C-alpha atoms as a PDB file:
ATOM      1  CA  MET A   1      80.600 -12.564 -97.283  1.00  0.00           C
ATOM      2  CA  THR A   2      79.466 -13.151 -93.260  1.00  0.00           C
ATOM      3  CA  LYS A   3      76.680 -15.454 -92.633  1.00  0.00           C
ATOM      4  CA  ALA A   4      74.790 -12.516 -91.120  1.00  0.00           C
ATOM      5  CA  VAL A   5      74.649 -10.739 -94.555  1.00  0.00           C
ATOM      6  CA  LEU A   6      73.594 -14.178 -96.228  1.00  0.00           C
ATOM      7  CA  ARG A   7      70.841 -14.576 -93.649  1.00  0.00           C
ATOM      8  CA  LYS A   8      69.225 -11.625 -94.426  1.00  0.00           C
ATOM      9  CA  LYS A   9      69.745 -11.987 -98.241  1.00  0.00           C
ATOM     10  CA  TYR A  10      67.961 -15.463 -98.274  1.00  0.00           C
ATOM     11  CA  LYS A  11      65.405 -14.408 -95.940  1.00  0.00           C
ATOM     12  CA  ASN A  12      64.544 -11.672 -98.332  1.00  0.00           C
ATOM     13  CA  LEU A  13      64.893 -14.010-101.125  1.00  0.00           C
ATOM     14  CA  ARG A  14      62.323 -16.474 -99.669  1.00  0.00           C
ATOM     15  CA  GLN A  15      59.614 -13.923 -98.513  1.00  0.00           C
ATOM     16  CA  GLN A  16      59.687 -12.747-102.162  1.00  0.00           C
ATOM     17  CA  LEU A  17      58.265 -16.114-103.423  1.00  0.00           C
ATOM     18  CA  SER A  18      54.679 -16.473-103.940  1.00  0.00           C
ATOM     19  CA  ASP A  19      52.829 -19.381-102.149  1.00  0.00           C
ATOM     20  CA  THR A  20      52.505 -21.071-105.686  1.00  0.00           C
ATOM     21  CA  GLN A  21      56.517 -20.820-106.166  1.00  0.00           C
ATOM     22  CA  VAL A  22      57.006 -22.506-102.887  1.00  0.00           C
ATOM     23  CA  ASP A  23      54.962 -25.107-103.534  1.00  0.00           C
ATOM     24  CA  ASP A  24      56.286 -25.756-107.254  1.00  0.00           C
ATOM     25  CA  PHE A  25      59.595 -25.472-106.150  1.00  0.00           C
ATOM     26  CA  SER A  26      59.015 -27.984-102.935  1.00  0.00           C
ATOM     27  CA  ILE A  27      57.474 -30.492-105.447  1.00  0.00           C
ATOM     28  CA  LYS A  28      60.502 -30.334-107.694  1.00  0.00           C
ATOM     29  CA  ILE A  29      63.066 -30.659-104.910  1.00  0.00           C
ATOM     30  CA  ALA A  30      61.039 -33.817-103.652  1.00  0.00           C
ATOM     31  CA  ASN A  31      61.060 -35.332-107.273  1.00  0.00           C
ATOM     32  CA  LYS A  32      64.797 -34.549-107.437  1.00  0.00           C
ATOM     33  CA  LEU A  33      65.213 -36.428-104.107  1.00  0.00           C
ATOM     34  CA  LEU A  34      63.748 -39.224-105.936  1.00  0.00           C
ATOM     35  CA  THR A  35      67.099 -39.689-108.291  1.00  0.00           C
ATOM     36  CA  LEU A  36      69.400 -40.031-105.551  1.00  0.00           C
ATOM     37  CA  ASP A  37      70.763 -43.437-104.346  1.00  0.00           C
ATOM     38  CA  ILE A  38      69.688 -43.091-100.922  1.00  0.00           C
ATOM     39  CA  TRP A  39      66.219 -45.139-100.590  1.00  0.00           C
ATOM     40  CA  ASP A  40      67.720 -48.496 -99.082  1.00  0.00           C
ATOM     41  CA  LYS A  41      67.955 -46.706 -95.802  1.00  0.00           C
ATOM     42  CA  SER A  42      65.627 -47.152 -93.087  1.00  0.00           C
ATOM     43  CA  PHE A  43      65.745 -43.960 -90.750  1.00  0.00           C
ATOM     44  CA  TYR A  44      65.072 -40.625 -92.229  1.00  0.00           C
ATOM     45  CA  HIS A  45      65.321 -37.323 -90.360  1.00  0.00           C
ATOM     46  CA  VAL A  46      62.814 -34.777 -91.805  1.00  0.00           C
ATOM     47  CA  PHE A  47      62.477 -30.993 -90.697  1.00  0.00           C
ATOM     48  CA  LEU A  48      58.851 -29.787 -90.500  1.00  0.00           C
ATOM     49  CA  THR A  49      58.349 -26.825 -92.572  1.00  0.00           C
ATOM     50  CA  ILE A  50      58.088 -23.325 -90.624  1.00  0.00           C
ATOM     51  CA  GLU A  51      55.728 -21.695 -93.222  1.00  0.00           C
ATOM     52  CA  GLU A  52      56.007 -18.146 -91.773  1.00  0.00           C
ATOM     53  CA  GLN A  53      59.862 -18.424 -93.045  1.00  0.00           C
ATOM     54  CA  LYS A  54      58.517 -19.809 -96.461  1.00  0.00           C
ATOM     55  CA  GLU A  55      60.444 -22.909 -96.046  1.00  0.00           C
ATOM     56  CA  ILE A  56      60.688 -25.813 -98.338  1.00  0.00           C
ATOM     57  CA  ASN A  57      57.330 -27.767 -98.008  1.00  0.00           C
ATOM     58  CA  THR A  58      58.398 -31.056 -96.762  1.00  0.00           C
ATOM     59  CA  ASP A  59      55.034 -32.778 -96.862  1.00  0.00           C
ATOM     60  CA  TYR A  60      55.727 -33.800-100.143  1.00  0.00           C
ATOM     61  CA  ILE A  61      59.060 -35.724 -98.834  1.00  0.00           C
ATOM     62  CA  LEU A  62      57.099 -37.100 -95.991  1.00  0.00           C
ATOM     63  CA  ASN A  63      54.570 -38.733 -98.677  1.00  0.00           C
ATOM     64  CA  ILE A  64      57.411 -40.257-100.392  1.00  0.00           C
ATOM     65  CA  LEU A  65      58.856 -41.808 -97.163  1.00  0.00           C
ATOM     66  CA  ALA A  66      55.361 -42.905 -95.867  1.00  0.00           C
ATOM     67  CA  GLY A  67      55.044 -44.507 -99.636  1.00  0.00           C
ATOM     68  CA  LYS A  68      58.216 -46.349 -99.047  1.00  0.00           C
ATOM     69  CA  ASP A  69      57.438 -47.546 -95.640  1.00  0.00           C
ATOM     70  CA  LYS A  70      60.637 -45.775 -94.106  1.00  0.00           C
ATOM     71  CA  ASN A  71      60.889 -44.865 -90.661  1.00  0.00           C
ATOM     72  CA  ILE A  72      60.161 -40.881 -90.351  1.00  0.00           C
ATOM     73  CA  ILE A  73      62.008 -39.196 -87.481  1.00  0.00           C
ATOM     74  CA  ILE A  74      61.208 -35.533 -86.433  1.00  0.00           C
ATOM     75  CA  SER A  75      62.720 -33.310 -83.788  1.00  0.00           C
ATOM     76  CA  LYS A  76      62.049 -31.352 -80.976  1.00  0.00           C
ATOM     77  CA  SER A  77      64.276 -28.042 -80.359  1.00  0.00           C
ATOM     78  CA  HIS A  78      65.159 -27.244 -76.757  1.00  0.00           C
ATOM     79  CA  ILE A  79      65.906 -23.505 -76.465  1.00  0.00           C
ATOM     80  CA  LYS A  80      67.753 -23.823 -73.088  1.00  0.00           C
ATOM     81  CA  ASP A  81      70.913 -25.336 -74.548  1.00  0.00           C
ATOM     82  CA  TYR A  82      70.001 -25.437 -78.537  1.00  0.00           C
ATOM     83  CA  SER A  83      69.750 -29.472 -78.466  1.00  0.00           C
ATOM     84  CA  MET A  84      67.131 -31.529 -80.055  1.00  0.00           C
ATOM     85  CA  THR A  85      65.573 -34.751 -79.166  1.00  0.00           C
ATOM     86  CA  HIS A  86      64.173 -37.237 -81.985  1.00  0.00           C
ATOM     87  CA  PHE A  87      61.131 -38.869 -82.109  1.00  0.00           C
ATOM     88  CA  LEU A  88      59.471 -41.471 -84.519  1.00  0.00           C
ATOM     89  CA  LEU A  89      56.498 -39.974 -86.772  1.00  0.00           C
ATOM     90  CA  THR A  90      53.428 -42.220 -86.292  1.00  0.00           C
ATOM     91  CA  ASP A  91      49.912 -41.763 -86.691  1.00  0.00           C
ATOM     92  CA  ASN A  92      49.503 -40.794 -83.079  1.00  0.00           C
ATOM     93  CA  THR A  93      52.156 -38.259 -83.111  1.00  0.00           C
ATOM     94  CA  ARG A  94      50.991 -34.704 -81.921  1.00  0.00           C
ATOM     95  CA  LEU A  95      52.625 -31.674 -82.919  1.00  0.00           C
ATOM     96  CA  LYS A  96      52.703 -28.342 -81.766  1.00  0.00           C
ATOM     97  CA  LYS A  97      54.302 -25.006 -82.768  1.00  0.00           C
ATOM     98  CA  SER A  98      57.500 -23.948 -80.692  1.00  0.00           C
ATOM     99  CA  THR A  99      58.216 -20.370 -79.988  1.00  0.00           C
ATOM    100  CA  TYR A 100      60.067 -20.547 -83.418  1.00  0.00           C
ATOM    101  CA  ASN A 101      57.026 -21.703 -85.106  1.00  0.00           C
ATOM    102  CA  VAL A 102      58.421 -25.083 -85.974  1.00  0.00           C
ATOM    103  CA  PRO A 103      55.882 -27.713 -85.793  1.00  0.00           C
ATOM    104  CA  GLU A 104      57.249 -30.257 -82.954  1.00  0.00           C
ATOM    105  CA  PRO A 105      56.236 -33.424 -81.543  1.00  0.00           C
ATOM    106  CA  VAL A 106      54.611 -33.185 -78.201  1.00  0.00           C
ATOM    107  CA  ASP A 107      56.024 -36.616 -77.312  1.00  0.00           C
ATOM    108  CA  GLY A 108      56.502 -40.001 -78.658  1.00  0.00           C
ATOM    109  CA  ILE A 109      59.183 -42.838 -79.336  1.00  0.00           C
ATOM    110  CA  ALA A 110      62.505 -41.511 -78.926  1.00  0.00           C
ATOM    111  CA  ILE A 111      65.142 -42.292 -81.570  1.00  0.00           C
ATOM    112  CA  GLN A 112      68.906 -41.519 -81.232  1.00  0.00           C
ATOM    113  CA  ALA A 113      70.762 -39.605 -83.372  1.00  0.00           C
ATOM    114  CA  SER A 114      73.267 -42.414 -84.020  1.00  0.00           C
ATOM    115  CA  GLN A 115      70.148 -44.363 -85.458  1.00  0.00           C
ATOM    116  CA  LEU A 116      69.741 -42.107 -88.371  1.00  0.00           C
ATOM    117  CA  GLU A 117      70.730 -42.971 -91.686  1.00  0.00           C
ATOM    118  CA  VAL A 118      69.698 -39.736 -93.933  1.00  0.00           C
ATOM    119  CA  VAL A 119      69.144 -36.077 -92.378  1.00  0.00           C
ATOM    120  CA  PHE A 120      67.316 -33.863 -94.733  1.00  0.00           C
ATOM    121  CA  VAL A 121      68.814 -30.345 -93.552  1.00  0.00           C
ATOM    122  CA  PRO A 122      67.150 -26.934 -93.521  1.00  0.00           C
ATOM    123  CA  LEU A 123      69.280 -24.204 -94.565  1.00  0.00           C
ATOM    124  CA  LEU A 124      69.391 -20.347 -95.851  1.00  0.00           C
ATOM    125  CA  ALA A 125      72.562 -20.602 -97.881  1.00  0.00           C
ATOM    126  CA  TYR A 126      75.300 -22.957 -98.984  1.00  0.00           C
ATOM    127  CA  ASP A 127      78.290 -22.927-101.121  1.00  0.00           C
ATOM    128  CA  LYS A 128      79.830 -25.214-103.827  1.00  0.00           C
ATOM    129  CA  THR A 129      81.889 -26.959-101.243  1.00  0.00           C
ATOM    130  CA  GLY A 130      78.929 -28.221 -98.923  1.00  0.00           C
ATOM    131  CA  ASN A 131      79.133 -25.367 -96.253  1.00  0.00           C
ATOM    132  CA  ARG A 132      75.577 -24.288 -94.889  1.00  0.00           C
ATOM    133  CA  VAL A 133      74.352 -21.274 -93.322  1.00  0.00           C
ATOM    134  CA  GLY A 134      71.200 -21.837 -91.010  1.00  0.00           C
ATOM    135  CA  TYR A 135      69.425 -19.347 -88.783  1.00  0.00           C
ATOM    136  CA  GLY A 136      72.328 -19.168 -86.818  1.00  0.00           C
ATOM    137  CA  LYS A 137      71.794 -21.335 -83.424  1.00  0.00           C
ATOM    138  CA  GLY A 138      73.477 -24.198 -83.983  1.00  0.00           C
ATOM    139  CA  PHE A 139      70.823 -26.585 -83.602  1.00  0.00           C
ATOM    140  CA  TYR A 140      71.701 -28.639 -86.561  1.00  0.00           C
ATOM    141  CA  ASP A 141      75.419 -28.574 -86.315  1.00  0.00           C
ATOM    142  CA  ARG A 142      75.223 -29.815 -82.750  1.00  0.00           C
ATOM    143  CA  PHE A 143      72.822 -32.764 -83.937  1.00  0.00           C
ATOM    144  CA  LEU A 144      74.532 -33.530 -86.934  1.00  0.00           C
ATOM    145  CA  ALA A 145      77.716 -33.904 -84.718  1.00  0.00           C
ATOM    146  CA  GLN A 146      75.767 -36.667 -82.933  1.00  0.00           C
ATOM    147  CA  CYS A 147      75.049 -38.574 -86.126  1.00  0.00           C
ATOM    148  CA  LYS A 148      77.520 -41.384 -87.414  1.00  0.00           C
ATOM    149  CA  PRO A 149      79.868 -40.176 -90.035  1.00  0.00           C
ATOM    150  CA  GLU A 150      78.219 -42.343 -92.416  1.00  0.00           C
ATOM    151  CA  THR A 151      74.934 -40.490 -92.200  1.00  0.00           C
ATOM    152  CA  LEU A 152      73.980 -38.739 -95.209  1.00  0.00           C
ATOM    153  CA  LYS A 153      73.284 -34.917 -95.124  1.00  0.00           C
ATOM    154  CA  ILE A 154      71.221 -33.770 -97.683  1.00  0.00           C
ATOM    155  CA  GLY A 155      70.768 -29.578 -97.812  1.00  0.00           C
ATOM    156  CA  LEU A 156      67.251 -28.506 -99.527  1.00  0.00           C
ATOM    157  CA  SER A 157      67.358 -25.317-100.919  1.00  0.00           C
ATOM    158  CA  PHE A 158      65.205 -23.042-103.727  1.00  0.00           C
ATOM    159  CA  PHE A 159      68.200 -21.445-104.763  1.00  0.00           C
ATOM    160  CA  GLU A 160      71.531 -22.188-106.291  1.00  0.00           C
ATOM    161  CA  ALA A 161      74.754 -22.330-104.179  1.00  0.00           C
ATOM    162  CA  GLU A 162      76.789 -19.070-103.419  1.00  0.00           C
ATOM    163  CA  ASN A 163      79.844 -18.961-105.693  1.00  0.00           C
ATOM    164  CA  GLU A 164      82.131 -17.339-103.198  1.00  0.00           C
ATOM    165  CA  ALA A 165      83.153 -19.190 -99.775  1.00  0.00           C
ATOM    166  CA  PHE A 166      82.013 -17.647 -96.843  1.00  0.00           C
ATOM    167  CA  GLU A 167      83.117 -17.701 -93.128  1.00  0.00           C
ATOM    168  CA  THR A 168      82.735 -21.160 -91.251  1.00  0.00           C
ATOM    169  CA  SER A 169      83.760 -22.562 -87.929  1.00  0.00           C
ATOM    170  CA  GLU A 170      85.123 -25.809 -86.573  1.00  0.00           C
ATOM    171  CA  GLU A 171      81.537 -26.670 -85.210  1.00  0.00           C
ATOM    172  CA  ASP A 172      80.070 -26.424 -88.735  1.00  0.00           C
ATOM    173  CA  ILE A 173      78.937 -29.688 -90.513  1.00  0.00           C
ATOM    174  CA  LYS A 174      79.342 -29.962 -94.099  1.00  0.00           C
ATOM    175  CA  LEU A 175      76.458 -31.394 -96.540  1.00  0.00           C
ATOM    176  CA  ASP A 176      76.761 -34.366 -98.467  1.00  0.00           C
ATOM    177  CA  TYR A 177      74.224 -33.170-101.100  1.00  0.00           C
ATOM    178  CA  CYS A 178      72.129 -30.148-101.729  1.00  0.00           C
ATOM    179  CA  VAL A 179      69.151 -30.633-103.879  1.00  0.00           C
ATOM    180  CA  THR A 180      67.251 -27.677-105.397  1.00  0.00           C
ATOM    181  CA  PRO A 181      64.423 -27.546-107.748  1.00  0.00           C
ATOM    182  CA  ASN A 182      66.714 -27.711-110.830  1.00  0.00           C
ATOM    183  CA  GLN A 183      69.869 -29.887-109.587  1.00  0.00           C
ATOM    184  CA  VAL A 184      71.654 -31.853-107.097  1.00  0.00           C
ATOM    185  CA  PHE A 185      75.000 -30.699-106.149  1.00  0.00           C
ATOM    186  CA  GLN A 186      77.125 -33.587-104.417  1.00  0.00           C
ATOM    187  CA  PHE A 187      80.086 -32.491-102.203  1.00  0.00           C
END
């Protein structure tokens, strides 16, 4: 199956979810994350939810990280070269929606990708070997390539893994885990 077909399929599946389902599934995913042996780290990167795309509500993950007194890192995307810069989320961080409706920091304390220990990765689909399909611009693959090899890459999905493998490229970075409302996949 092609990535384009998977993107369309999972965007449609997401749009069929009610706001209540999105919220319930997001809470279940956050609770499943608590079962992982990842909480001894210091620097956690979290994507901020694109509500219009019915993405996982990462506010619950943000609350867990804040409660555990972790450094929370968020990103700003640069459309010109499909790169990302990363900033420490603080009480003073001002957010503004990008052209893709992504809440992003206006400015702040810059953090290097090499400092990150855990990255929660947005996705549309994934398979049973840890390959993922995102929105197709390659932002996360470029970003993850800048992280240390031991940085944990954790996908978050409302849905189960695709049974069939799909096309991949050399630039694709595999996940270490994917967490759904019902299960944790380790690759």
